[in-house]
Amino acid sequence: MTDGIPVVVQPDESALEALGTEFAAIVGGVDRAGREFHHGGLQQLSVFTRNAVVILTSLAAGYFLVLVLERDGLAGKGRFLSRLTGERLHAEFI
């Protein structure tokens, strides 16, 4: 089960650590639902809030890259670069 404990936080902010912890349950539920309905595990999840865009990209089982953008940030570019970065980091987490 995903527990939301950060491996590395840049910049070092406790708010980002808390965000990861809170999203852990959501990510776990979405991942389980995808597998249960035979769509596969979660690869990427985007959450749009009033002030930010949060992009979670799966690195390996239980590990996610979390990108937080300002609300008017380029979410599509963030998703694309997060996916590319996740592919490069994958070997470090398996």
N, C-alpha and C. Protein backbone atom coordinates (compact mmCIF):
# COMPACT_ATOMS: atom_id res chain seq x y z
N MET A 1 0.84 -1.19 0.00
CA MET A 1 0.00 0.00 0.00
C MET A 1 0.88 1.24 0.00
N THR A 2 0.47 2.25 -0.69
CA THR A 2 1.18 3.52 -0.74
C THR A 2 0.97 4.25 0.57
N ASP A 3 2.07 4.71 1.19
CA ASP A 3 1.92 5.37 2.48
C ASP A 3 2.19 6.86 2.45
N GLY A 4 2.68 7.41 1.35
CA GLY A 4 2.85 8.84 1.23
C GLY A 4 4.09 9.39 1.90
N ILE A 5 5.10 8.58 2.14
CA ILE A 5 6.34 9.06 2.74
C ILE A 5 7.26 9.52 1.62
N PRO A 6 7.66 10.81 1.64
CA PRO A 6 8.50 11.32 0.56
C PRO A 6 9.92 10.77 0.60
N VAL A 7 10.49 10.53 -0.57
CA VAL A 7 11.88 10.11 -0.68
C VAL A 7 12.76 11.35 -0.75
N VAL A 8 12.40 12.29 -1.61
CA VAL A 8 13.11 13.56 -1.77
C VAL A 8 12.07 14.64 -2.01
N VAL A 9 12.22 15.80 -1.37
CA VAL A 9 11.33 16.93 -1.58
C VAL A 9 12.17 18.13 -1.98
N GLN A 10 11.88 18.69 -3.16
CA GLN A 10 12.58 19.88 -3.64
C GLN A 10 11.56 20.90 -4.08
N PRO A 11 11.51 22.11 -3.59
CA PRO A 11 12.27 22.59 -2.44
C PRO A 11 11.78 21.93 -1.16
N ASP A 12 12.57 22.03 -0.12
CA ASP A 12 12.27 21.39 1.15
C ASP A 12 11.12 22.12 1.83
N GLU A 13 9.90 21.63 1.64
CA GLU A 13 8.71 22.23 2.24
C GLU A 13 7.86 21.16 2.89
N SER A 14 7.47 21.40 4.12
CA SER A 14 6.63 20.42 4.82
C SER A 14 5.25 20.33 4.17
N ALA A 15 4.79 21.41 3.51
CA ALA A 15 3.49 21.37 2.85
C ALA A 15 3.48 20.32 1.74
N LEU A 16 4.59 20.19 1.03
CA LEU A 16 4.66 19.19 -0.04
C LEU A 16 4.65 17.78 0.54
N GLU A 17 5.28 17.59 1.68
CA GLU A 17 5.26 16.29 2.33
C GLU A 17 3.83 15.93 2.74
N ALA A 18 3.11 16.89 3.30
CA ALA A 18 1.73 16.66 3.71
C ALA A 18 0.85 16.37 2.50
N LEU A 19 1.10 17.05 1.39
CA LEU A 19 0.35 16.82 0.16
C LEU A 19 0.53 15.37 -0.31
N GLY A 20 1.76 14.89 -0.28
CA GLY A 20 2.03 13.52 -0.67
C GLY A 20 1.30 12.52 0.20
N THR A 21 1.27 12.78 1.48
CA THR A 21 0.59 11.90 2.42
C THR A 21 -0.91 11.87 2.14
N GLU A 22 -1.49 13.02 1.90
CA GLU A 22 -2.93 13.09 1.64
C GLU A 22 -3.30 12.43 0.32
N PHE A 23 -2.47 12.58 -0.70
CA PHE A 23 -2.76 11.99 -1.99
C PHE A 23 -2.53 10.48 -2.01
N ALA A 24 -1.80 9.94 -1.05
CA ALA A 24 -1.48 8.51 -1.05
C ALA A 24 -2.73 7.64 -1.09
N ALA A 25 -3.72 7.98 -0.31
CA ALA A 25 -4.95 7.17 -0.29
C ALA A 25 -5.69 7.27 -1.62
N ILE A 26 -5.73 8.45 -2.19
CA ILE A 26 -6.41 8.64 -3.47
C ILE A 26 -5.70 7.85 -4.56
N VAL A 27 -4.39 7.96 -4.59
CA VAL A 27 -3.60 7.26 -5.60
C VAL A 27 -3.80 5.75 -5.48
N GLY A 28 -3.78 5.26 -4.26
CA GLY A 28 -3.97 3.83 -4.04
C GLY A 28 -5.34 3.37 -4.54
N GLY A 29 -6.37 4.16 -4.27
CA GLY A 29 -7.71 3.80 -4.71
C GLY A 29 -7.85 3.82 -6.23
N VAL A 30 -7.29 4.81 -6.88
CA VAL A 30 -7.36 4.90 -8.34
C VAL A 30 -6.57 3.75 -8.97
N ASP A 31 -5.42 3.43 -8.40
CA ASP A 31 -4.60 2.33 -8.92
C ASP A 31 -5.35 1.00 -8.79
N ARG A 32 -5.93 0.75 -7.62
CA ARG A 32 -6.69 -0.49 -7.41
C ARG A 32 -7.87 -0.59 -8.37
N ALA A 33 -8.59 0.53 -8.56
CA ALA A 33 -9.75 0.52 -9.46
C ALA A 33 -9.32 0.22 -10.89
N GLY A 34 -8.23 0.81 -11.35
CA GLY A 34 -7.74 0.54 -12.70
C GLY A 34 -7.40 -0.92 -12.90
N ARG A 35 -6.76 -1.50 -11.90
CA ARG A 35 -6.42 -2.93 -11.98
C ARG A 35 -7.67 -3.81 -11.90
N GLU A 36 -8.58 -3.47 -11.02
CA GLU A 36 -9.79 -4.27 -10.84
C GLU A 36 -10.62 -4.32 -12.12
N PHE A 37 -10.66 -3.21 -12.83
CA PHE A 37 -11.46 -3.15 -14.06
C PHE A 37 -10.62 -3.45 -15.30
N HIS A 38 -9.42 -4.01 -15.08
CA HIS A 38 -8.55 -4.48 -16.15
C HIS A 38 -8.08 -3.38 -17.10
N HIS A 39 -7.90 -2.16 -16.55
CA HIS A 39 -7.35 -1.07 -17.34
C HIS A 39 -5.86 -0.89 -17.08
N GLY A 40 -5.35 -1.58 -16.07
CA GLY A 40 -3.94 -1.47 -15.71
C GLY A 40 -3.74 -0.50 -14.56
N GLY A 41 -2.51 -0.49 -14.06
CA GLY A 41 -2.18 0.36 -12.93
C GLY A 41 -2.09 1.83 -13.31
N LEU A 42 -2.15 2.66 -12.31
CA LEU A 42 -2.08 4.12 -12.50
C LEU A 42 -0.72 4.51 -13.05
N GLN A 43 -0.70 5.28 -14.12
CA GLN A 43 0.55 5.80 -14.68
C GLN A 43 0.72 7.28 -14.35
N GLN A 44 -0.38 8.04 -14.47
CA GLN A 44 -0.28 9.47 -14.21
C GLN A 44 -1.64 9.99 -13.78
N LEU A 45 -1.63 10.93 -12.82
CA LEU A 45 -2.85 11.52 -12.31
C LEU A 45 -2.64 13.02 -12.20
N SER A 46 -3.56 13.80 -12.75
CA SER A 46 -3.49 15.26 -12.65
C SER A 46 -4.66 15.75 -11.82
N VAL A 47 -4.37 16.63 -10.88
CA VAL A 47 -5.40 17.22 -10.03
C VAL A 47 -5.31 18.73 -10.17
N PHE A 48 -6.43 19.34 -10.57
CA PHE A 48 -6.48 20.79 -10.74
C PHE A 48 -7.25 21.38 -9.57
N THR A 49 -6.59 22.27 -8.82
CA THR A 49 -7.25 22.95 -7.71
C THR A 49 -7.33 24.44 -8.06
N ARG A 50 -7.89 25.22 -7.17
CA ARG A 50 -8.02 26.66 -7.42
C ARG A 50 -6.67 27.33 -7.62
N ASN A 51 -5.64 26.89 -6.88
CA ASN A 51 -4.36 27.59 -6.89
C ASN A 51 -3.21 26.80 -7.48
N ALA A 52 -3.42 25.54 -7.81
CA ALA A 52 -2.29 24.74 -8.27
C ALA A 52 -2.77 23.58 -9.16
N VAL A 53 -1.81 23.01 -9.85
CA VAL A 53 -2.00 21.78 -10.60
C VAL A 53 -1.00 20.78 -10.03
N VAL A 54 -1.47 19.63 -9.62
CA VAL A 54 -0.62 18.60 -9.04
C VAL A 54 -0.60 17.42 -10.01
N ILE A 55 0.60 17.03 -10.45
CA ILE A 55 0.75 15.94 -11.39
C ILE A 55 1.55 14.84 -10.71
N LEU A 56 0.95 13.65 -10.60
CA LEU A 56 1.62 12.50 -10.02
C LEU A 56 1.92 11.52 -11.14
N THR A 57 3.17 11.10 -11.25
CA THR A 57 3.60 10.17 -12.29
C THR A 57 4.23 8.95 -11.62
N SER A 58 3.77 7.76 -11.99
CA SER A 58 4.28 6.53 -11.41
C SER A 58 5.71 6.28 -11.87
N LEU A 59 6.59 5.99 -10.91
CA LEU A 59 7.97 5.62 -11.22
C LEU A 59 8.15 4.11 -11.18
N ALA A 60 7.60 3.49 -10.17
CA ALA A 60 7.64 2.04 -9.95
C ALA A 60 6.61 1.76 -8.86
N ALA A 61 6.41 0.51 -8.53
CA ALA A 61 5.41 0.14 -7.53
C ALA A 61 5.60 0.94 -6.25
N GLY A 62 4.63 1.80 -5.94
CA GLY A 62 4.66 2.56 -4.71
C GLY A 62 5.44 3.85 -4.75
N TYR A 63 6.07 4.19 -5.86
CA TYR A 63 6.86 5.41 -5.98
C TYR A 63 6.28 6.31 -7.05
N PHE A 64 6.10 7.60 -6.71
CA PHE A 64 5.54 8.56 -7.64
C PHE A 64 6.39 9.83 -7.64
N LEU A 65 6.48 10.43 -8.80
CA LEU A 65 7.05 11.76 -8.95
C LEU A 65 5.89 12.73 -8.84
N VAL A 66 6.02 13.73 -7.96
CA VAL A 66 4.95 14.70 -7.76
C VAL A 66 5.45 16.06 -8.24
N LEU A 67 4.72 16.64 -9.17
CA LEU A 67 5.04 17.96 -9.71
C LEU A 67 3.90 18.89 -9.35
N VAL A 68 4.23 20.02 -8.70
CA VAL A 68 3.22 21.01 -8.34
C VAL A 68 3.49 22.28 -9.14
N LEU A 69 2.49 22.69 -9.92
CA LEU A 69 2.59 23.89 -10.75
C LEU A 69 1.62 24.95 -10.25
N GLU A 70 1.93 26.19 -10.53
CA GLU A 70 0.95 27.24 -10.29
C GLU A 70 -0.24 26.99 -11.19
N ARG A 71 -1.41 27.45 -10.82
CA ARG A 71 -2.64 27.15 -11.55
C ARG A 71 -2.56 27.53 -13.03
N ASP A 72 -1.84 28.59 -13.34
CA ASP A 72 -1.73 29.00 -14.74
C ASP A 72 -0.49 28.42 -15.42
N GLY A 73 0.15 27.45 -14.77
CA GLY A 73 1.32 26.78 -15.36
C GLY A 73 0.90 25.94 -16.56
N LEU A 74 1.87 25.50 -17.31
CA LEU A 74 1.61 24.70 -18.50
C LEU A 74 1.45 23.23 -18.11
N ALA A 75 0.22 22.84 -17.80
CA ALA A 75 -0.05 21.50 -17.29
C ALA A 75 0.31 20.42 -18.32
N GLY A 76 0.02 20.65 -19.58
CA GLY A 76 0.34 19.66 -20.61
C GLY A 76 1.83 19.43 -20.71
N LYS A 77 2.59 20.51 -20.68
CA LYS A 77 4.06 20.39 -20.73
C LYS A 77 4.56 19.71 -19.46
N GLY A 78 3.97 20.05 -18.33
CA GLY A 78 4.35 19.42 -17.07
C GLY A 78 4.10 17.92 -17.09
N ARG A 79 2.94 17.51 -17.62
CA ARG A 79 2.64 16.08 -17.72
C ARG A 79 3.63 15.38 -18.63
N PHE A 80 3.94 16.00 -19.77
CA PHE A 80 4.87 15.41 -20.72
C PHE A 80 6.27 15.26 -20.11
N LEU A 81 6.79 16.34 -19.52
CA LEU A 81 8.14 16.29 -18.94
C LEU A 81 8.19 15.37 -17.72
N SER A 82 7.10 15.32 -16.96
CA SER A 82 7.04 14.41 -15.82
C SER A 82 7.10 12.96 -16.28
N ARG A 83 6.39 12.66 -17.37
CA ARG A 83 6.42 11.30 -17.91
C ARG A 83 7.82 10.93 -18.40
N LEU A 84 8.48 11.86 -19.12
CA LEU A 84 9.84 11.60 -19.59
C LEU A 84 10.81 11.40 -18.42
N THR A 85 10.69 12.23 -17.42
CA THR A 85 11.55 12.11 -16.24
C THR A 85 11.27 10.81 -15.51
N GLY A 86 10.01 10.44 -15.41
CA GLY A 86 9.65 9.17 -14.78
C GLY A 86 10.25 7.98 -15.49
N GLU A 87 10.27 8.02 -16.82
CA GLU A 87 10.88 6.93 -17.58
C GLU A 87 12.38 6.84 -17.31
N ARG A 88 13.04 8.00 -17.17
CA ARG A 88 14.48 7.99 -16.87
C ARG A 88 14.77 7.52 -15.45
N LEU A 89 13.89 7.84 -14.51
CA LEU A 89 14.11 7.47 -13.11
C LEU A 89 13.66 6.06 -12.78
N HIS A 90 12.87 5.45 -13.62
CA HIS A 90 12.29 4.14 -13.34
C HIS A 90 13.32 3.12 -12.86
N ALA A 91 14.44 3.04 -13.53
CA ALA A 91 15.47 2.04 -13.17
C ALA A 91 16.01 2.25 -11.75
N GLU A 92 15.95 3.46 -11.25
CA GLU A 92 16.46 3.73 -9.90
C GLU A 92 15.53 3.19 -8.82
N PHE A 93 14.29 2.89 -9.17
CA PHE A 93 13.29 2.50 -8.17
C PHE A 93 12.82 1.05 -8.28
N ILE A 94 13.40 0.29 -9.22
CA ILE A 94 12.98 -1.11 -9.32
C ILE A 94 14.04 -2.02 -8.73
